PDB file of N, CA and C in Angstrom:
ATOM      1  N   MET A   1       0.692  -1.550   0.041  1.00  0.00           N
ATOM      2  CA  MET A   1       0.171   0.080  -0.040  1.00  0.00           C
ATOM      3  C   MET A   1       0.793   1.151   0.112  1.00  0.00           C
ATOM      4  N   SER A   2       0.803   2.031  -0.681  1.00  0.00           N
ATOM      5  CA  SER A   2       1.383   3.415  -1.048  1.00  0.00           C
ATOM      6  C   SER A   2       0.672   4.392   0.178  1.00  0.00           C
ATOM      7  N   SER A   3       1.434   5.090   0.588  1.00  0.00           N
ATOM      8  CA  SER A   3       0.899   6.300   1.471  1.00  0.00           C
ATOM      9  C   SER A   3      -0.025   6.771   1.068  1.00  0.00           C
ATOM     10  N   GLU A   4      -0.251   7.086  -0.398  1.00  0.00           N
ATOM     11  CA  GLU A   4      -1.603   8.131  -0.626  1.00  0.00           C
ATOM     12  C   GLU A   4      -2.955   7.116  -0.403  1.00  0.00           C
ATOM     13  N   SER A   5      -2.753   5.802  -0.273  1.00  0.00           N
ATOM     14  CA  SER A   5      -3.841   5.125  -0.470  1.00  0.00           C
ATOM     15  C   SER A   5      -4.237   5.117   1.164  1.00  0.00           C
ATOM     16  N   VAL A   6      -3.066   5.009   1.605  1.00  0.00           N
ATOM     17  CA  VAL A   6      -3.297   4.926   3.422  1.00  0.00           C
ATOM     18  C   VAL A   6      -4.013   6.089   3.735  1.00  0.00           C
ATOM     19  N   GLY A   7      -3.365   7.282   3.414  1.00  0.00           N
ATOM     20  CA  GLY A   7      -3.940   8.756   3.692  1.00  0.00           C
ATOM     21  C   GLY A   7      -5.739   8.711   2.919  1.00  0.00           C
ATOM     22  N   GLY A   8      -5.924   8.000   2.115  1.00  0.00           N
ATOM     23  CA  GLY A   8      -7.475   7.916   1.487  1.00  0.00           C
ATOM     24  C   GLY A   8      -8.227   7.360   2.366  1.00  0.00           C
ATOM     25  N   ILE A   9      -7.666   6.127   2.823  1.00  0.00           N
ATOM     26  CA  ILE A   9      -8.322   5.182   3.564  1.00  0.00           C
ATOM     27  C   ILE A   9      -8.636   6.274   5.061  1.00  0.00           C
ATOM     28  N   LEU A  10      -7.650   6.913   5.216  1.00  0.00           N
ATOM     29  CA  LEU A  10      -7.679   7.612   7.155  1.00  0.00           C
ATOM     30  C   LEU A  10      -8.628   8.395   6.663  1.00  0.00           C
ATOM     31  N   GLY A  11      -8.548   9.110   5.355  1.00  0.00           N
ATOM     32  CA  GLY A  11      -9.657  10.236   5.625  1.00  0.00           C
ATOM     33  C   GLY A  11     -10.944   9.761   5.413  1.00  0.00           C
ATOM     34  N   ALA A  12     -11.372   8.993   4.684  1.00  0.00           N
ATOM     35  CA  ALA A  12     -12.564   8.517   4.839  1.00  0.00           C
ATOM     36  C   ALA A  12     -12.908   8.195   6.118  1.00  0.00           C
ATOM     37  N   VAL A  13     -12.312   7.668   7.195  1.00  0.00           N
ATOM     38  CA  VAL A  13     -12.498   7.114   8.434  1.00  0.00           C
ATOM     39  C   VAL A  13     -12.889   8.485   8.973  1.00  0.00           C
ATOM     40  N   VAL A  14     -11.973   9.387   8.799  1.00  0.00           N
ATOM     41  CA  VAL A  14     -12.232  10.612   9.768  1.00  0.00           C
ATOM     42  C   VAL A  14     -13.393  11.194   9.516  1.00  0.00           C
ATOM     43  N   ALA A  15     -13.774  11.338   7.868  1.00  0.00           N
ATOM     44  CA  ALA A  15     -15.203  11.723   7.118  1.00  0.00           C
ATOM     45  C   ALA A  15     -16.577  11.163   7.669  1.00  0.00           C
ATOM     46  N   ALA A  16     -15.970   9.890   8.082  1.00  0.00           N
ATOM     47  CA  ALA A  16     -17.420   9.016   8.565  1.00  0.00           C
ATOM     48  C   ALA A  16     -17.601   9.192  10.019  1.00  0.00           C
ATOM     49  N   ILE A  17     -16.624   9.430  10.678  1.00  0.00           N
ATOM     50  CA  ILE A  17     -16.630   9.822  12.561  1.00  0.00           C
ATOM     51  C   ILE A  17     -17.062  10.767  12.330  1.00  0.00           C
ATOM     52  N   VAL A  18     -16.620  12.199  11.621  1.00  0.00           N
ATOM     53  CA  VAL A  18     -17.524  13.471  11.706  1.00  0.00           C
ATOM     54  C   VAL A  18     -18.638  13.679  11.238  1.00  0.00           C
ATOM     55  N   LEU A  19     -19.206  12.624  10.250  1.00  0.00           N
ATOM     56  CA  LEU A  19     -20.671  12.989   9.632  1.00  0.00           C
ATOM     57  C   LEU A  19     -21.710  12.155  10.807  1.00  0.00           C
ATOM     58  N   ALA A  20     -20.961  10.964  11.403  1.00  0.00           N
ATOM     59  CA  ALA A  20     -22.008  10.135  12.238  1.00  0.00           C
ATOM     60  C   ALA A  20     -21.962  11.011  13.540  1.00  0.00           C
ATOM     61  N   VAL A  21     -21.255  12.039  13.915  1.00  0.00           N
ATOM     62  CA  VAL A  21     -20.887  12.832  15.157  1.00  0.00           C
ATOM     63  C   VAL A  21     -21.869  13.745  14.816  1.00  0.00           C
ATOM     64  N   ALA A  22     -21.879  14.351  13.571  1.00  0.00           N
ATOM     65  CA  ALA A  22     -22.829  15.604  13.352  1.00  0.00           C
ATOM     66  C   ALA A  22     -24.448  14.986  13.279  1.00  0.00           C
ATOM     67  N   VAL A  23     -24.659  13.787  12.833  1.00  0.00           N
ATOM     68  CA  VAL A  23     -26.211  13.290  12.590  1.00  0.00           C
ATOM     69  C   VAL A  23     -26.282  12.946  14.029  1.00  0.00           C
ATOM     70  N   MET A  24     -25.571  12.410  15.348  1.00  0.00           N
ATOM     71  CA  MET A  24     -25.910  12.262  16.213  1.00  0.00           C
ATOM     72  C   MET A  24     -26.361  13.542  16.920  1.00  0.00           C
ATOM     73  N   PHE A  25     -25.531  14.345  16.898  1.00  0.00           N
ATOM     74  CA  PHE A  25     -25.486  15.678  17.793  1.00  0.00           C
ATOM     75  C   PHE A  25     -27.051  16.656  17.260  1.00  0.00           C
ATOM     76  N   GLY A  26     -27.240  16.399  15.693  1.00  0.00           N
ATOM     77  CA  GLY A  26     -28.467  17.188  15.330  1.00  0.00           C
ATOM     78  C   GLY A  26     -28.083  18.384  14.684  1.00  0.00           C
ATOM     79  N   PRO A  27     -28.653  19.396  14.043  1.00  0.00           N
ATOM     80  CA  PRO A  27     -28.276  20.539  13.207  1.00  0.00           C
ATOM     81  C   PRO A  27     -27.847  21.604  14.668  1.00  0.00           C
ATOM     82  N   ILE A  28     -27.199  22.360  14.488  1.00  0.00           N
ATOM     83  CA  ILE A  28     -26.660  23.344  15.118  1.00  0.00           C
ATOM     84  C   ILE A  28     -27.669  24.716  14.843  1.00  0.00           C
ATOM     85  N   GLY A  29     -27.831  25.422  16.086  1.00  0.00           N
ATOM     86  CA  GLY A  29     -28.804  26.079  16.287  1.00  0.00           C
ATOM     87  C   GLY A  29     -30.210  26.259  16.373  1.00  0.00           C
ATOM     88  N   GLN A  30     -31.097  26.940  16.346  1.00  0.00           N
ATOM     89  CA  GLN A  30     -32.576  26.815  16.449  1.00  0.00           C
ATOM     90  C   GLN A  30     -33.121  25.916  15.320  1.00  0.00           C
ATOM     91  N   TYR A  31     -32.688  25.734  14.097  1.00  0.00           N
ATOM     92  CA  TYR A  31     -33.390  25.375  12.915  1.00  0.00           C
ATOM     93  C   TYR A  31     -33.437  23.837  13.381  1.00  0.00           C
ATOM     94  N   GLY A  32     -34.600  23.068  13.273  1.00  0.00           N
ATOM     95  CA  GLY A  32     -35.192  21.968  13.566  1.00  0.00           C
ATOM     96  C   GLY A  32     -35.200  21.740  15.194  1.00  0.00           C
ATOM     97  N   LYS A  33     -35.388  22.744  15.961  1.00  0.00           N
ATOM     98  CA  LYS A  33     -35.474  22.508  17.275  1.00  0.00           C
ATOM     99  C   LYS A  33     -37.052  23.412  17.542  1.00  0.00           C
ATOM    100  N   PRO A  34     -37.987  22.915  18.849  1.00  0.00           N
ATOM    101  CA  PRO A  34     -38.931  23.575  19.050  1.00  0.00           C
ATOM    102  C   PRO A  34     -38.538  24.980  19.593  1.00  0.00           C
ATOM    103  N   PRO A  35     -39.418  25.990  19.357  1.00  0.00           N
ATOM    104  CA  PRO A  35     -38.824  27.462  19.691  1.00  0.00           C
ATOM    105  C   PRO A  35     -39.223  27.288  21.165  1.00  0.00           C
ATOM    106  N   LYS A  36     -38.309  28.343  21.779  1.00  0.00           N
ATOM    107  CA  LYS A  36     -37.808  28.615  23.048  1.00  0.00           C
ATOM    108  C   LYS A  36     -38.902  29.644  23.600  1.00  0.00           C
ATOM    109  N   PRO A  37     -39.587  29.120  24.732  1.00  0.00           N
ATOM    110  CA  PRO A  37     -40.715  29.976  25.250  1.00  0.00           C
ATOM    111  C   PRO A  37     -40.021  31.370  25.751  1.00  0.00           C
ATOM    112  N   ALA A  38     -41.024  32.180  25.496  1.00  0.00           N
ATOM    113  CA  ALA A  38     -40.495  33.734  25.892  1.00  0.00           C
ATOM    114  C   ALA A  38     -40.224  34.163  27.302  1.00  0.00           C
ATOM    115  N   LYS A  39     -39.333  34.460  27.932  1.00  0.00           N
ATOM    116  CA  LYS A  39     -39.019  34.620  29.200  1.00  0.00           C
ATOM    117  C   LYS A  39     -39.949  36.270  29.813  1.00  0.00           C
ATOM    118  N   VAL A  40     -40.635  35.965  30.706  1.00  0.00           N
ATOM    119  CA  VAL A  40     -41.608  36.950  30.896  1.00  0.00           C
ATOM    120  C   VAL A  40     -40.891  37.392  32.289  1.00  0.00           C
ATOM    121  N   GLU A  41     -40.527  38.629  32.325  1.00  0.00           N
ATOM    122  CA  GLU A  41     -39.734  39.230  33.636  1.00  0.00           C
ATOM    123  C   GLU A  41     -40.673  40.309  34.312  1.00  0.00           C
ATOM    124  N   PRO A  42     -40.652  40.268  35.197  1.00  0.00           N
ATOM    125  CA  PRO A  42     -41.601  41.103  36.015  1.00  0.00           C
ATOM    126  C   PRO A  42     -41.010  42.540  36.019  1.00  0.00           C
ATOM    127  N   ALA A  43     -41.735  43.549  35.812  1.00  0.00           N
ATOM    128  CA  ALA A  43     -41.777  45.199  35.740  1.00  0.00           C
ATOM    129  C   ALA A  43     -40.605  45.447  37.084  1.00  0.00           C
ATOM    130  N   PRO A  44     -39.564  46.076  37.003  1.00  0.00           N
ATOM    131  CA  PRO A  44     -38.484  46.302  38.025  1.00  0.00           C
ATOM    132  C   PRO A  44     -39.414  47.252  38.941  1.00  0.00           C
ATOM    133  N   THR A  45     -38.865  47.367  40.290  1.00  0.00           N
ATOM    134  CA  THR A  45     -39.810  48.348  41.368  1.00  0.00           C
ATOM    135  C   THR A  45     -38.882  49.589  41.212  1.00  0.00           C
ATOM    136  N   ALA A  46     -39.257  50.580  41.013  1.00  0.00           N
ATOM    137  CA  ALA A  46     -38.956  51.746  41.090  1.00  0.00           C
ATOM    138  C   ALA A  46     -37.782  51.702  42.669  1.00  0.00           C
ATOM    139  N   ALA A  47     -36.446  52.219  42.672  1.00  0.00           N
ATOM    140  CA  ALA A  47     -35.680  52.242  43.592  1.00  0.00           C
ATOM    141  C   ALA A  47     -35.571  53.708  44.066  1.00  0.00           C
ATOM    142  N   PRO A  48     -35.281  53.982  45.285  1.00  0.00           N
ATOM    143  CA  PRO A  48     -35.140  55.427  45.517  1.00  0.00           C
ATOM    144  C   PRO A  48     -33.993  55.851  44.838  1.00  0.00           C
ATOM    145  N   ALA A  49     -34.050  57.119  44.501  1.00  0.00           N
ATOM    146  CA  ALA A  49     -32.843  57.691  43.425  1.00  0.00           C
ATOM    147  C   ALA A  49     -31.859  58.101  44.496  1.00  0.00           C
ATOM    148  N   ALA A  50     -30.496  57.740  44.409  1.00  0.00           N
ATOM    149  CA  ALA A  50     -29.741  57.934  45.329  1.00  0.00           C
ATOM    150  C   ALA A  50     -28.615  58.791  44.265  1.00  0.00           C
ATOM    151  N   PRO A  51     -27.909  59.809  45.099  1.00  0.00           N
ATOM    152  CA  PRO A  51     -27.111  60.725  44.319  1.00  0.00           C
ATOM    153  C   PRO A  51     -25.866  59.875  44.106  1.00  0.00           C
ATOM    154  N   ALA A  52     -25.742  60.003  42.498  1.00  0.00           N
ATOM    155  CA  ALA A  52     -24.595  59.261  41.881  1.00  0.00           C
ATOM    156  C   ALA A  52     -23.179  59.887  42.187  1.00  0.00           C
ATOM    157  N   ALA A  53     -22.615  59.004  42.852  1.00  0.00           N
ATOM    158  CA  ALA A  53     -21.229  59.778  43.241  1.00  0.00           C
ATOM    159  C   ALA A  53     -20.269  59.813  42.023  1.00  0.00           C
ATOM    160  N   PRO A  54     -19.573  60.910  41.947  1.00  0.00           N
ATOM    161  CA  PRO A  54     -18.691  61.136  40.817  1.00  0.00           C
ATOM    162  C   PRO A  54     -17.510  59.922  40.465  1.00  0.00           C
ATOM    163  N   ALA A  55     -17.471  59.872  39.254  1.00  0.00           N
ATOM    164  CA  ALA A  55     -16.760  58.844  38.727  1.00  0.00           C
ATOM    165  C   ALA A  55     -15.129  59.173  39.283  1.00  0.00           C
ATOM    166  N   PRO A  56     -14.300  58.390  39.656  1.00  0.00           N
ATOM    167  CA  PRO A  56     -12.983  58.532  40.281  1.00  0.00           C
ATOM    168  C   PRO A  56     -12.114  59.095  39.153  1.00  0.00           C
ATOM    169  N   ARG A  57     -11.237  59.973  39.544  1.00  0.00           N
ATOM    170  CA  ARG A  57     -10.367  60.564  38.443  1.00  0.00           C
ATOM    171  C   ARG A  57      -8.943  60.145  38.530  1.00  0.00           C
ATOM    172  N   GLY A  58      -8.308  59.682  37.450  1.00  0.00           N
ATOM    173  CA  GLY A  58      -6.932  58.856  37.250  1.00  0.00           C
ATOM    174  C   GLY A  58      -6.029  60.034  37.551  1.00  0.00           C
ATOM    175  N   PRO A  59      -4.462  59.634  37.306  1.00  0.00           N
ATOM    176  CA  PRO A  59      -3.588  60.608  37.497  1.00  0.00           C
ATOM    177  C   PRO A  59      -3.926  61.407  36.592  1.00  0.00           C
ATOM    178  N   VAL A  60      -3.189  62.900  37.167  1.00  0.00           N
ATOM    179  CA  VAL A  60      -3.095  63.960  36.383  1.00  0.00           C
ATOM    180  C   VAL A  60      -1.830  63.973  36.024  1.00  0.00           C
ATOM    181  N   ILE A  61      -1.290  63.805  34.461  1.00  0.00           N
ATOM    182  CA  ILE A  61      -0.352  63.802  33.860  1.00  0.00           C
ATOM    183  C   ILE A  61       0.150  65.192  33.260  1.00  0.00           C
ATOM    184  N   ARG A  62       0.996  65.867  33.670  1.00  0.00           N
ATOM    185  CA  ARG A  62       1.230  67.243  33.280  1.00  0.00           C
ATOM    186  C   ARG A  62       2.843  67.206  32.622  1.00  0.00           C
ATOM    187  N   GLU A  63       2.497  67.881  31.413  1.00  0.00           N
ATOM    188  CA  GLU A  63       3.996  68.484  30.610  1.00  0.00           C
ATOM    189  C   GLU A  63       5.139  68.543  31.703  1.00  0.00           C
ATOM    190  N   VAL A  64       6.402  68.444  31.330  1.00  0.00           N
ATOM    191  CA  VAL A  64       7.224  68.531  32.212  1.00  0.00           C
ATOM    192  C   VAL A  64       8.509  69.218  31.358  1.00  0.00           C
ATOM    193  N   PRO A  65       8.615  70.632  31.691  1.00  0.00           N
ATOM    194  CA  PRO A  65       9.559  70.898  30.702  1.00  0.00           C
ATOM    195  C   PRO A  65      11.017  70.160  30.759  1.00  0.00           C
ATOM    196  N   ASN A  66      11.918  69.800  29.817  1.00  0.00           N
ATOM    197  CA  ASN A  66      13.290  69.455  29.562  1.00  0.00           C
ATOM    198  C   ASN A  66      14.200  70.708  30.099  1.00  0.00           C
ATOM    199  N   GLN A  67      15.080  70.256  31.391  1.00  0.00           N
ATOM    200  CA  GLN A  67      16.036  71.288  31.299  1.00  0.00           C
ATOM    201  C   GLN A  67      17.659  70.959  30.899  1.00  0.00           C
TER     202      GLN A  67
END
């Protein structure tokens, strides 16, 4: 057997395994599956408005003249 025929046989075996796994797990995504029920979230309750704290400032970088 030449290396080309061994490669062809191994490629066919790998392709068959990949195809079998793809059929076993089914289609990817929502295609072929029943639609998921829509989530119903309760209306958020109004929280008391607290004053927003100012965002922390980072270090101030100033230009330093060369001497």
